[in-house]
Amino acid sequence: SKASKEPEGIQSDELEQQRQKSQLQKRIVFGLAIGIGVGGVVLAGGWIFTVALALSTLGGTREYFELVRSRGIAAGMTPPPRYVSRVCSAVCALMPLMTLYFGGRMGVAVTSFAFFLAIVLLLQRGSPRFAQLSSAIFGLFYCGYLPCFWVKLR
């Protein structure tokens, strides 16, 4: 009985090794494809780089606000309203494009939008908490304004 179980165990080990090798090959090919694609976009520069950066900024900002909405920043925190997170995501995605066309004059626009955002949050029903204001403005600067420097550097 022991001899009959041994070949089955060896066969399942070989199948597991083949499966792991196949997964590793897929990961290597996928990683190389992404690396070459991103390298090509960075080397292309100009509007290609800026549009790719704007799309990734949009995805990153949406992810940030969904994280804030699902996990919160502090215990019992009320996240910013969904319309605020959507508008911030759109503005953050437009920032790299605006930087490409308007150059270094983005500081005034970002500061003005942050002030407008604070006013909107202060005027909403109920009293906004500091966590709402800080998470929305942090998302605006971290997810939107910082990638603008990549456009300037490129």
Protein backbone atom coordinates (compact mmCIF):
# COMPACT_ATOMS: atom_id res chain seq x y z
CA SER A 1 0.00 0.00 0.00
CA LYS A 2 2.91 2.34 0.74
CA ALA A 3 4.46 1.69 -2.68
CA SER A 4 1.19 2.53 -4.44
CA LYS A 5 0.93 5.94 -2.71
CA GLU A 6 4.54 6.94 -3.43
CA PRO A 7 4.24 7.39 -7.23
CA GLU A 8 1.10 9.44 -6.73
CA GLY A 9 2.94 11.74 -4.29
CA ILE A 10 5.87 12.12 -6.67
CA GLN A 11 3.53 12.90 -9.55
CA SER A 12 1.70 15.60 -7.56
CA ASP A 13 5.06 17.14 -6.54
CA GLU A 14 6.13 17.26 -10.19
CA LEU A 15 2.81 18.86 -11.18
CA GLU A 16 3.21 21.46 -8.44
CA GLN A 17 6.75 22.28 -9.60
CA GLN A 18 5.59 22.61 -13.22
CA ARG A 19 2.75 24.88 -12.13
CA GLN A 20 5.13 27.10 -10.14
CA LYS A 21 7.59 27.23 -13.06
CA SER A 22 4.76 28.21 -15.41
CA GLN A 23 3.61 30.98 -13.04
CA LEU A 24 7.18 32.28 -12.72
CA GLN A 25 7.54 32.40 -16.50
CA LYS A 26 4.27 34.31 -16.84
CA ARG A 27 5.37 36.79 -14.15
CA ILE A 28 8.73 37.36 -15.84
CA VAL A 29 7.14 37.94 -19.25
CA PHE A 30 4.48 40.24 -17.78
CA GLY A 31 7.08 42.19 -15.77
CA LEU A 32 9.31 42.64 -18.81
CA ALA A 33 6.37 43.80 -20.93
CA ILE A 34 5.33 46.37 -18.35
CA GLY A 35 8.91 47.55 -17.87
CA ILE A 36 9.50 47.96 -21.60
CA GLY A 37 6.13 49.70 -22.02
CA VAL A 38 6.72 52.16 -19.18
CA GLY A 39 10.29 52.75 -20.36
CA GLY A 40 8.99 53.54 -23.84
CA VAL A 41 6.43 56.00 -22.46
CA VAL A 42 9.07 57.75 -20.34
CA LEU A 43 11.49 57.96 -23.25
CA ALA A 44 8.75 59.28 -25.56
CA GLY A 45 8.09 62.17 -23.20
CA GLY A 46 5.86 65.06 -24.23
CA TRP A 47 2.13 64.51 -24.43
CA ILE A 48 2.45 60.69 -24.47
CA PHE A 49 4.18 60.71 -21.09
CA THR A 50 1.79 63.33 -19.74
CA VAL A 51 -1.37 61.48 -20.81
CA ALA A 52 -0.05 58.22 -19.36
CA LEU A 53 0.81 60.05 -16.14
CA ALA A 54 -2.63 61.67 -16.04
CA LEU A 55 -4.32 58.27 -16.41
CA SER A 56 -2.19 56.72 -13.70
CA THR A 57 -2.83 59.76 -11.49
CA LEU A 58 -6.57 59.31 -11.98
CA GLY A 59 -6.31 55.65 -10.99
CA GLY A 60 -4.12 56.44 -8.00
CA THR A 61 -6.39 59.21 -6.76
CA ARG A 62 -9.50 57.04 -7.10
CA GLU A 63 -7.70 54.30 -5.17
CA TYR A 64 -6.66 56.77 -2.45
CA PHE A 65 -10.19 58.05 -1.93
CA GLU A 66 -11.64 54.53 -1.95
CA LEU A 67 -9.10 53.58 0.70
CA VAL A 68 -10.09 56.59 2.79
CA ARG A 69 -13.75 55.70 2.30
CA SER A 70 -13.33 52.03 3.24
CA ARG A 71 -10.71 52.23 6.00
CA GLY A 72 -10.84 55.81 7.17
CA ILE A 73 -7.91 57.72 8.54
CA ALA A 74 -8.94 57.70 12.18
CA ALA A 75 -11.41 55.66 14.19
CA GLY A 76 -14.94 56.94 13.63
CA MET A 77 -13.83 59.22 10.80
CA THR A 78 -16.43 60.39 8.33
CA PRO A 79 -14.89 60.28 4.84
CA PRO A 80 -15.30 63.17 2.44
CA PRO A 81 -18.51 63.04 0.40
CA ARG A 82 -18.31 60.99 -2.78
CA TYR A 83 -18.77 64.05 -5.04
CA VAL A 84 -15.74 65.68 -3.39
CA SER A 85 -13.58 62.62 -4.03
CA ARG A 86 -14.74 62.43 -7.66
CA VAL A 87 -14.05 66.11 -8.31
CA CYS A 88 -10.64 65.81 -6.63
CA SER A 89 -9.85 62.78 -8.80
CA ALA A 90 -10.76 64.67 -11.96
CA VAL A 91 -8.73 67.72 -10.93
CA CYS A 92 -5.74 65.55 -10.02
CA ALA A 93 -5.89 63.85 -13.42
CA LEU A 94 -5.97 67.24 -15.17
CA MET A 95 -3.02 68.66 -13.22
CA PRO A 96 -0.25 66.93 -15.25
CA LEU A 97 -1.93 68.04 -18.49
CA MET A 98 -2.20 71.60 -17.23
CA THR A 99 1.45 71.50 -16.17
CA LEU A 100 2.50 70.47 -19.68
CA TYR A 101 0.65 73.39 -21.27
CA PHE A 102 0.85 76.10 -18.59
CA GLY A 103 4.22 75.30 -17.03
CA GLY A 104 5.17 76.42 -13.55
CA ARG A 105 2.05 78.47 -12.79
CA MET A 106 0.27 75.48 -11.23
CA GLY A 107 0.88 76.50 -7.61
CA VAL A 108 -1.75 79.23 -7.66
CA ALA A 109 -4.33 76.96 -9.30
CA VAL A 110 -3.76 74.11 -6.83
CA THR A 111 -3.87 76.44 -3.84
CA SER A 112 -7.06 78.06 -5.13
CA PHE A 113 -8.71 74.67 -5.64
CA ALA A 114 -7.63 73.54 -2.15
CA PHE A 115 -9.22 76.69 -0.70
CA PHE A 116 -12.40 76.10 -2.74
CA LEU A 117 -12.47 72.47 -1.57
CA ALA A 118 -12.18 73.54 2.07
CA ILE A 119 -15.05 76.02 1.61
CA VAL A 120 -17.25 73.34 -0.01
CA LEU A 121 -16.57 70.95 2.86
CA LEU A 122 -17.24 73.65 5.44
CA LEU A 123 -20.57 74.60 3.83
CA GLN A 124 -21.95 71.06 3.61
CA ARG A 125 -24.69 69.87 5.94
CA GLY A 126 -23.39 68.94 9.33
CA SER A 127 -20.01 69.98 10.53
CA PRO A 128 -17.07 68.61 8.62
CA ARG A 129 -14.40 67.04 10.70
CA PHE A 130 -10.76 67.83 10.48
CA ALA A 131 -10.16 64.33 9.09
CA GLN A 132 -12.45 65.10 6.12
CA LEU A 133 -10.60 68.30 5.30
CA SER A 134 -7.16 66.83 5.79
CA SER A 135 -7.83 63.65 3.80
CA ALA A 136 -9.30 65.59 0.86
CA ILE A 137 -6.55 68.21 0.74
CA PHE A 138 -3.83 65.59 1.30
CA GLY A 139 -5.24 63.57 -1.61
CA LEU A 140 -5.24 66.67 -3.79
CA PHE A 141 -1.61 67.50 -3.11
CA TYR A 142 -0.17 63.99 -2.80
CA CYS A 143 -2.00 62.34 -5.69
CA GLY A 144 -2.29 65.34 -8.01
CA TYR A 145 0.29 68.01 -7.36
CA LEU A 146 3.35 65.80 -6.83
CA PRO A 147 3.06 64.00 -10.20
CA CYS A 148 3.16 67.44 -11.85
CA PHE A 149 6.82 67.61 -10.92
CA TRP A 150 7.44 64.44 -12.97
CA VAL A 151 6.14 66.33 -16.01
CA LYS A 152 8.47 69.20 -15.19
CA LEU A 153 11.42 66.85 -14.66
CA ARG A 154 10.78 64.95 -17.88
